[in-house]
């Protein structure tokens, strides 16, 4: 398993950033490749994604540790992916959003295509960094 951690500081209070993470239907606005998203009963979310040039559907179990401001997720099928978003108040108007992604490089390559090895790790890092920057824009503009 490989682990990637990235963060971005956003210019909004922690409550506003936390609310933004919980608006699953808005994920297409800041997650690359996500074409549709919705919550499902039982703490699940379903994402319609374009991956490797083809449409795919993913279901994830989502759990909150609200007191700690951590949102954890894990896909329920293939590819096996897991991750979390942790929020930390910097001050009253700024929040650090820490994204963590756990993945098997071979599984990701089979599911999404793309490069291998170091190039794949760089591509995933760029994707996560881009998603965090898009989330920053999303919450700061109050969409």
N, C-alpha and C. Protein backbone atom coordinates (compact mmCIF):
# COMPACT_ATOMS: atom_id res chain seq x y z
N UNK A 1 0.84 -1.18 0.00
CA UNK A 1 0.00 0.00 0.00
C UNK A 1 0.88 1.24 0.00
N UNK A 2 0.47 2.22 -0.75
CA UNK A 2 1.12 3.52 -0.75
C UNK A 2 0.20 4.52 -0.06
N UNK A 3 0.81 5.52 0.55
CA UNK A 3 0.05 6.55 1.22
C UNK A 3 0.50 7.90 0.70
N UNK A 4 -0.46 8.73 0.41
CA UNK A 4 -0.21 10.09 -0.03
C UNK A 4 -0.89 11.04 0.93
N UNK A 5 -0.19 12.06 1.37
CA UNK A 5 -0.77 13.09 2.22
C UNK A 5 -0.48 14.45 1.60
N UNK A 6 -1.51 15.26 1.49
CA UNK A 6 -1.41 16.62 0.97
C UNK A 6 -2.30 17.50 1.83
N UNK A 7 -2.02 18.79 1.85
CA UNK A 7 -2.89 19.70 2.59
C UNK A 7 -2.99 21.03 1.86
N UNK A 8 -4.03 21.76 2.23
CA UNK A 8 -4.23 23.12 1.73
C UNK A 8 -4.85 23.93 2.86
N UNK A 9 -4.44 25.19 2.94
CA UNK A 9 -5.03 26.10 3.91
C UNK A 9 -6.11 26.91 3.21
N UNK A 10 -7.30 26.93 3.79
CA UNK A 10 -8.42 27.64 3.20
C UNK A 10 -8.81 28.83 4.08
N UNK A 11 -9.28 29.87 3.46
CA UNK A 11 -9.64 31.09 4.17
C UNK A 11 -11.08 31.10 4.63
N UNK A 12 -11.49 30.05 5.33
CA UNK A 12 -12.84 29.98 5.90
C UNK A 12 -12.75 29.32 7.28
N UNK A 13 -13.73 29.59 8.15
CA UNK A 13 -13.76 28.93 9.46
C UNK A 13 -13.92 27.42 9.31
N UNK A 14 -13.50 26.68 10.32
CA UNK A 14 -13.54 25.22 10.27
C UNK A 14 -14.95 24.68 10.02
N UNK A 15 -15.98 25.30 10.59
CA UNK A 15 -17.35 24.82 10.39
C UNK A 15 -17.75 24.90 8.92
N UNK A 16 -17.36 25.97 8.25
CA UNK A 16 -17.70 26.12 6.83
C UNK A 16 -16.97 25.09 5.97
N UNK A 17 -15.70 24.84 6.26
CA UNK A 17 -14.95 23.81 5.53
C UNK A 17 -15.56 22.43 5.78
N UNK A 18 -15.93 22.16 7.03
CA UNK A 18 -16.54 20.87 7.40
C UNK A 18 -17.86 20.67 6.64
N UNK A 19 -18.68 21.71 6.60
CA UNK A 19 -19.94 21.63 5.85
C UNK A 19 -19.68 21.38 4.37
N UNK A 20 -18.66 22.02 3.81
CA UNK A 20 -18.34 21.82 2.40
C UNK A 20 -17.98 20.38 2.08
N UNK A 21 -17.27 19.71 2.97
CA UNK A 21 -16.91 18.30 2.77
C UNK A 21 -18.13 17.39 2.82
N UNK A 22 -19.18 17.81 3.53
CA UNK A 22 -20.36 16.97 3.70
C UNK A 22 -21.42 17.19 2.63
N UNK A 23 -21.21 18.08 1.71
CA UNK A 23 -22.16 18.30 0.62
C UNK A 23 -21.74 17.43 -0.57
N UNK A 24 -21.98 16.14 -0.42
CA UNK A 24 -21.54 15.14 -1.40
C UNK A 24 -22.01 15.47 -2.81
N UNK A 25 -23.23 15.98 -2.94
CA UNK A 25 -23.76 16.29 -4.28
C UNK A 25 -22.94 17.36 -5.00
N UNK A 26 -22.11 18.10 -4.26
CA UNK A 26 -21.26 19.12 -4.87
C UNK A 26 -19.85 18.64 -5.18
N UNK A 27 -19.54 17.38 -4.93
CA UNK A 27 -18.20 16.86 -5.21
C UNK A 27 -17.76 17.06 -6.66
N UNK A 28 -18.67 16.98 -7.64
CA UNK A 28 -18.21 17.22 -9.02
C UNK A 28 -17.62 18.62 -9.22
N UNK A 29 -17.92 19.54 -8.34
CA UNK A 29 -17.39 20.91 -8.46
C UNK A 29 -15.91 21.00 -8.11
N UNK A 30 -15.41 20.02 -7.32
CA UNK A 30 -14.01 20.13 -6.92
C UNK A 30 -13.20 18.84 -6.99
N UNK A 31 -13.81 17.72 -7.35
CA UNK A 31 -13.07 16.47 -7.51
C UNK A 31 -12.97 16.11 -8.99
N UNK A 32 -11.76 16.10 -9.51
CA UNK A 32 -11.54 15.81 -10.92
C UNK A 32 -12.08 14.43 -11.28
N UNK A 33 -12.77 14.35 -12.40
CA UNK A 33 -13.29 13.09 -12.89
C UNK A 33 -14.64 12.69 -12.33
N UNK A 34 -15.09 13.33 -11.24
CA UNK A 34 -16.39 12.99 -10.66
C UNK A 34 -17.47 13.71 -11.45
N UNK A 35 -18.38 12.94 -12.03
CA UNK A 35 -19.46 13.49 -12.86
C UNK A 35 -20.77 13.62 -12.09
N UNK A 36 -20.92 12.83 -11.03
CA UNK A 36 -22.12 12.88 -10.20
C UNK A 36 -21.82 12.24 -8.86
N UNK A 37 -22.51 12.69 -7.81
CA UNK A 37 -22.29 12.14 -6.48
C UNK A 37 -23.57 12.28 -5.67
N UNK A 38 -23.82 11.30 -4.81
CA UNK A 38 -25.01 11.37 -3.97
C UNK A 38 -24.78 10.52 -2.71
N UNK A 39 -25.49 10.89 -1.67
CA UNK A 39 -25.42 10.10 -0.44
C UNK A 39 -26.40 8.95 -0.56
N UNK A 40 -26.09 7.88 0.11
CA UNK A 40 -26.92 6.68 0.15
C UNK A 40 -27.21 6.37 1.62
N UNK A 41 -28.25 5.60 1.89
CA UNK A 41 -28.52 5.21 3.28
C UNK A 41 -27.35 4.41 3.87
N UNK A 42 -27.24 4.45 5.18
CA UNK A 42 -26.25 3.64 5.87
C UNK A 42 -24.84 4.19 5.82
N UNK A 43 -24.69 5.50 5.69
CA UNK A 43 -23.36 6.10 5.70
C UNK A 43 -22.55 5.78 4.45
N UNK A 44 -23.22 5.75 3.32
CA UNK A 44 -22.54 5.46 2.06
C UNK A 44 -22.69 6.62 1.09
N UNK A 45 -21.77 6.68 0.16
CA UNK A 45 -21.83 7.66 -0.92
C UNK A 45 -21.57 6.93 -2.23
N UNK A 46 -22.21 7.38 -3.29
CA UNK A 46 -22.02 6.80 -4.61
C UNK A 46 -21.50 7.90 -5.53
N UNK A 47 -20.39 7.58 -6.22
CA UNK A 47 -19.76 8.54 -7.13
C UNK A 47 -19.76 7.98 -8.55
N UNK A 48 -20.22 8.78 -9.48
CA UNK A 48 -20.12 8.45 -10.91
C UNK A 48 -18.87 9.16 -11.42
N UNK A 49 -17.91 8.37 -11.90
CA UNK A 49 -16.59 8.88 -12.22
C UNK A 49 -16.22 8.50 -13.65
N UNK A 50 -15.50 9.39 -14.31
CA UNK A 50 -14.87 9.04 -15.58
C UNK A 50 -13.42 8.73 -15.27
N UNK A 51 -13.04 7.47 -15.45
CA UNK A 51 -11.70 7.01 -15.10
C UNK A 51 -11.09 6.25 -16.26
N UNK A 52 -9.91 6.65 -16.65
CA UNK A 52 -9.25 5.97 -17.76
C UNK A 52 -10.05 6.05 -19.04
N UNK A 53 -10.80 7.14 -19.20
CA UNK A 53 -11.59 7.35 -20.40
C UNK A 53 -12.91 6.60 -20.45
N UNK A 54 -13.28 5.96 -19.34
CA UNK A 54 -14.57 5.24 -19.33
C UNK A 54 -15.32 5.53 -18.04
N UNK A 55 -16.65 5.48 -18.11
CA UNK A 55 -17.45 5.74 -16.90
C UNK A 55 -17.37 4.57 -15.93
N UNK A 56 -17.30 4.91 -14.65
CA UNK A 56 -17.29 3.91 -13.58
C UNK A 56 -18.13 4.42 -12.44
N UNK A 57 -18.60 3.52 -11.63
CA UNK A 57 -19.37 3.89 -10.45
C UNK A 57 -18.67 3.30 -9.23
N UNK A 58 -18.50 4.14 -8.22
CA UNK A 58 -17.88 3.70 -6.98
C UNK A 58 -18.82 3.95 -5.82
N UNK A 59 -18.82 3.01 -4.90
CA UNK A 59 -19.54 3.20 -3.66
C UNK A 59 -18.52 3.21 -2.54
N UNK A 60 -18.72 4.12 -1.59
CA UNK A 60 -17.80 4.23 -0.47
C UNK A 60 -18.57 4.29 0.84
N UNK A 61 -18.00 3.68 1.85
CA UNK A 61 -18.51 3.83 3.21
C UNK A 61 -17.86 5.08 3.77
N UNK A 62 -18.65 5.92 4.39
CA UNK A 62 -18.16 7.19 4.92
C UNK A 62 -18.47 7.23 6.41
N UNK A 63 -17.48 7.64 7.20
CA UNK A 63 -17.72 7.79 8.63
C UNK A 63 -17.11 9.10 9.11
N UNK A 64 -17.80 9.69 10.05
CA UNK A 64 -17.40 10.97 10.64
C UNK A 64 -16.86 10.75 12.04
N UNK A 65 -15.83 11.48 12.33
CA UNK A 65 -15.41 11.67 13.72
C UNK A 65 -15.55 13.18 13.93
N UNK A 66 -16.81 13.61 14.07
CA UNK A 66 -17.16 15.03 14.09
C UNK A 66 -16.37 15.80 15.15
N UNK A 67 -16.26 15.26 16.34
CA UNK A 67 -15.54 15.96 17.39
C UNK A 67 -14.08 16.21 17.04
N UNK A 68 -13.51 15.32 16.24
CA UNK A 68 -12.12 15.46 15.81
C UNK A 68 -12.01 16.12 14.44
N UNK A 69 -13.16 16.35 13.79
CA UNK A 69 -13.20 16.94 12.44
C UNK A 69 -12.43 16.07 11.43
N UNK A 70 -12.75 14.77 11.45
CA UNK A 70 -12.16 13.82 10.51
C UNK A 70 -13.28 13.10 9.78
N UNK A 71 -13.20 13.09 8.45
CA UNK A 71 -14.13 12.35 7.61
C UNK A 71 -13.32 11.24 6.93
N UNK A 72 -13.68 9.99 7.21
CA UNK A 72 -12.96 8.85 6.64
C UNK A 72 -13.85 8.16 5.61
N UNK A 73 -13.22 7.59 4.59
CA UNK A 73 -13.96 6.88 3.55
C UNK A 73 -13.16 5.67 3.09
N UNK A 74 -13.90 4.69 2.55
CA UNK A 74 -13.29 3.45 2.03
C UNK A 74 -14.21 2.91 0.95
N UNK A 75 -13.65 2.60 -0.22
CA UNK A 75 -14.49 2.02 -1.28
C UNK A 75 -14.95 0.64 -0.83
N UNK A 76 -16.15 0.25 -1.28
CA UNK A 76 -16.70 -1.04 -0.88
C UNK A 76 -16.40 -2.13 -1.90
N UNK A 77 -15.88 -1.76 -3.05
CA UNK A 77 -15.52 -2.74 -4.08
C UNK A 77 -14.17 -2.38 -4.66
N UNK A 78 -13.93 -2.87 -5.86
CA UNK A 78 -12.66 -2.57 -6.55
C UNK A 78 -12.76 -1.24 -7.28
N UNK A 79 -11.72 -0.48 -7.31
CA UNK A 79 -10.44 -0.69 -6.65
C UNK A 79 -10.53 -0.37 -5.17
N UNK A 80 -9.72 -1.06 -4.39
CA UNK A 80 -9.69 -0.82 -2.94
C UNK A 80 -8.91 0.46 -2.67
N UNK A 81 -9.64 1.47 -2.25
CA UNK A 81 -9.05 2.76 -1.90
C UNK A 81 -9.59 3.18 -0.55
N UNK A 82 -8.81 3.93 0.18
CA UNK A 82 -9.26 4.46 1.47
C UNK A 82 -8.59 5.80 1.68
N UNK A 83 -9.25 6.61 2.48
CA UNK A 83 -8.65 7.90 2.76
C UNK A 83 -9.40 8.66 3.82
N UNK A 84 -8.93 9.88 4.04
CA UNK A 84 -9.58 10.72 5.03
C UNK A 84 -9.30 12.18 4.72
N UNK A 85 -10.15 13.01 5.29
CA UNK A 85 -9.95 14.46 5.30
C UNK A 85 -9.97 14.86 6.77
N UNK A 86 -8.91 15.52 7.20
CA UNK A 86 -8.82 16.01 8.57
C UNK A 86 -8.76 17.53 8.52
N UNK A 87 -9.53 18.17 9.39
CA UNK A 87 -9.55 19.62 9.43
C UNK A 87 -8.96 20.11 10.74
N UNK A 88 -8.19 21.18 10.64
CA UNK A 88 -7.57 21.78 11.81
C UNK A 88 -7.73 23.29 11.72
N UNK A 89 -8.33 23.88 12.73
CA UNK A 89 -8.49 25.33 12.75
C UNK A 89 -7.12 25.98 12.94
N UNK A 90 -6.79 26.89 12.03
CA UNK A 90 -5.55 27.66 12.15
C UNK A 90 -5.83 28.88 13.03
N UNK A 91 -6.93 29.55 12.73
CA UNK A 91 -7.46 30.64 13.54
C UNK A 91 -8.95 30.72 13.23
N UNK A 92 -9.64 31.77 13.65
CA UNK A 92 -11.10 31.82 13.45
C UNK A 92 -11.52 31.84 11.99
N UNK A 93 -10.67 32.31 11.11
CA UNK A 93 -11.07 32.43 9.71
C UNK A 93 -10.29 31.56 8.74
N UNK A 94 -9.44 30.66 9.25
CA UNK A 94 -8.61 29.83 8.38
C UNK A 94 -8.55 28.39 8.89
N UNK A 95 -8.55 27.46 7.95
CA UNK A 95 -8.58 26.03 8.28
C UNK A 95 -7.59 25.28 7.40
N UNK A 96 -6.87 24.34 7.97
CA UNK A 96 -6.01 23.44 7.20
C UNK A 96 -6.82 22.18 6.89
N UNK A 97 -6.86 21.82 5.61
CA UNK A 97 -7.53 20.60 5.17
C UNK A 97 -6.45 19.62 4.76
N UNK A 98 -6.36 18.51 5.48
CA UNK A 98 -5.35 17.48 5.23
C UNK A 98 -6.04 16.29 4.56
N UNK A 99 -5.60 15.94 3.36
CA UNK A 99 -6.14 14.78 2.65
C UNK A 99 -5.13 13.64 2.75
N UNK A 100 -5.64 12.44 3.00
CA UNK A 100 -4.80 11.24 3.07
C UNK A 100 -5.44 10.20 2.16
N UNK A 101 -4.64 9.59 1.31
CA UNK A 101 -5.12 8.57 0.38
C UNK A 101 -4.24 7.34 0.51
N UNK A 102 -4.87 6.19 0.70
CA UNK A 102 -4.16 4.91 0.76
C UNK A 102 -4.58 4.10 -0.46
N UNK A 103 -3.60 3.61 -1.21
CA UNK A 103 -3.90 2.91 -2.45
C UNK A 103 -2.79 1.93 -2.80
N UNK A 104 -3.14 0.94 -3.59
CA UNK A 104 -2.18 0.01 -4.16
C UNK A 104 -1.89 0.48 -5.58
N UNK A 105 -0.64 0.82 -5.90
CA UNK A 105 -0.34 1.35 -7.23
C UNK A 105 -0.77 0.44 -8.38
N UNK A 106 -0.60 -0.86 -8.23
CA UNK A 106 -1.00 -1.78 -9.29
C UNK A 106 -2.51 -1.77 -9.52
N UNK A 107 -3.27 -1.73 -8.44
CA UNK A 107 -4.72 -1.70 -8.53
C UNK A 107 -5.19 -0.41 -9.20
N UNK A 108 -4.57 0.71 -8.82
CA UNK A 108 -4.94 2.00 -9.42
C UNK A 108 -4.63 1.98 -10.90
N UNK A 109 -3.50 1.43 -11.29
CA UNK A 109 -3.13 1.35 -12.71
C UNK A 109 -4.16 0.54 -13.49
N UNK A 110 -4.57 -0.61 -12.93
CA UNK A 110 -5.56 -1.46 -13.61
C UNK A 110 -6.90 -0.75 -13.74
N UNK A 111 -7.31 -0.03 -12.70
CA UNK A 111 -8.63 0.61 -12.68
C UNK A 111 -8.68 1.88 -13.52
N UNK A 112 -7.61 2.67 -13.49
CA UNK A 112 -7.65 3.99 -14.11
C UNK A 112 -6.72 4.16 -15.30
N UNK A 113 -5.79 3.22 -15.49
CA UNK A 113 -4.82 3.38 -16.55
C UNK A 113 -3.76 4.38 -16.13
N UNK A 114 -2.99 4.85 -17.08
CA UNK A 114 -1.98 5.85 -16.78
C UNK A 114 -0.61 5.25 -16.59
N UNK A 115 0.33 6.08 -16.13
CA UNK A 115 1.73 5.66 -16.02
C UNK A 115 1.95 4.68 -14.87
N UNK A 116 3.17 4.17 -14.81
CA UNK A 116 3.58 3.25 -13.74
C UNK A 116 4.62 3.91 -12.85
N UNK A 117 4.82 3.31 -11.70
CA UNK A 117 5.93 3.68 -10.83
C UNK A 117 5.91 5.13 -10.38
N UNK A 118 7.09 5.74 -10.43
CA UNK A 118 7.27 7.10 -9.94
C UNK A 118 6.36 8.07 -10.69
N UNK A 119 6.19 7.88 -11.99
CA UNK A 119 5.32 8.77 -12.77
C UNK A 119 3.88 8.67 -12.28
N UNK A 120 3.44 7.46 -11.91
CA UNK A 120 2.09 7.29 -11.39
C UNK A 120 1.93 8.02 -10.07
N UNK A 121 2.90 7.90 -9.18
CA UNK A 121 2.84 8.58 -7.89
C UNK A 121 2.76 10.10 -8.10
N UNK A 122 3.54 10.61 -9.05
CA UNK A 122 3.50 12.05 -9.35
C UNK A 122 2.14 12.46 -9.89
N UNK A 123 1.56 11.62 -10.75
CA UNK A 123 0.24 11.94 -11.32
C UNK A 123 -0.83 11.96 -10.24
N UNK A 124 -0.81 11.01 -9.33
CA UNK A 124 -1.79 10.96 -8.24
C UNK A 124 -1.60 12.17 -7.32
N UNK A 125 -0.35 12.51 -7.03
CA UNK A 125 -0.07 13.67 -6.19
C UNK A 125 -0.61 14.95 -6.83
N UNK A 126 -0.40 15.12 -8.14
CA UNK A 126 -0.92 16.30 -8.84
C UNK A 126 -2.44 16.33 -8.82
N UNK A 127 -3.07 15.17 -8.98
CA UNK A 127 -4.53 15.10 -8.96
C UNK A 127 -5.07 15.51 -7.58
N UNK A 128 -4.52 14.95 -6.52
CA UNK A 128 -4.98 15.28 -5.17
C UNK A 128 -4.72 16.75 -4.87
N UNK A 129 -3.55 17.25 -5.23
CA UNK A 129 -3.23 18.66 -5.01
C UNK A 129 -4.23 19.54 -5.76
N UNK A 130 -4.54 19.19 -7.01
CA UNK A 130 -5.52 19.94 -7.80
C UNK A 130 -6.90 19.92 -7.17
N UNK A 131 -7.31 18.75 -6.68
CA UNK A 131 -8.62 18.64 -6.01
C UNK A 131 -8.68 19.52 -4.77
N UNK A 132 -7.60 19.55 -4.00
CA UNK A 132 -7.57 20.39 -2.80
C UNK A 132 -7.64 21.88 -3.17
N UNK A 133 -6.95 22.27 -4.22
CA UNK A 133 -7.00 23.67 -4.67
C UNK A 133 -8.42 24.02 -5.14
N UNK A 134 -9.08 23.08 -5.82
CA UNK A 134 -10.46 23.30 -6.27
C UNK A 134 -11.40 23.39 -5.07
N UNK A 135 -11.17 22.56 -4.04
CA UNK A 135 -11.98 22.62 -2.82
C UNK A 135 -11.79 23.99 -2.16
N UNK A 136 -10.55 24.46 -2.11
CA UNK A 136 -10.26 25.78 -1.53
C UNK A 136 -11.09 26.85 -2.23
N UNK A 137 -11.07 26.84 -3.54
CA UNK A 137 -11.84 27.82 -4.32
C UNK A 137 -13.34 27.67 -4.05
N UNK A 138 -13.80 26.43 -4.01
CA UNK A 138 -15.21 26.11 -3.76
C UNK A 138 -15.70 26.70 -2.43
N UNK A 139 -14.98 26.43 -1.33
CA UNK A 139 -15.45 26.89 -0.03
C UNK A 139 -15.22 28.39 0.17
N UNK A 140 -14.14 28.90 -0.37
CA UNK A 140 -13.88 30.34 -0.19
C UNK A 140 -14.86 31.21 -0.96
N UNK A 141 -15.37 30.70 -2.06
CA UNK A 141 -16.35 31.47 -2.84
C UNK A 141 -17.76 31.25 -2.32
N UNK A 142 -17.90 30.36 -1.32
CA UNK A 142 -19.21 30.16 -0.69
C UNK A 142 -20.26 29.55 -1.60
N UNK A 143 -19.82 28.68 -2.48
CA UNK A 143 -20.76 28.05 -3.41
C UNK A 143 -21.70 27.12 -2.73
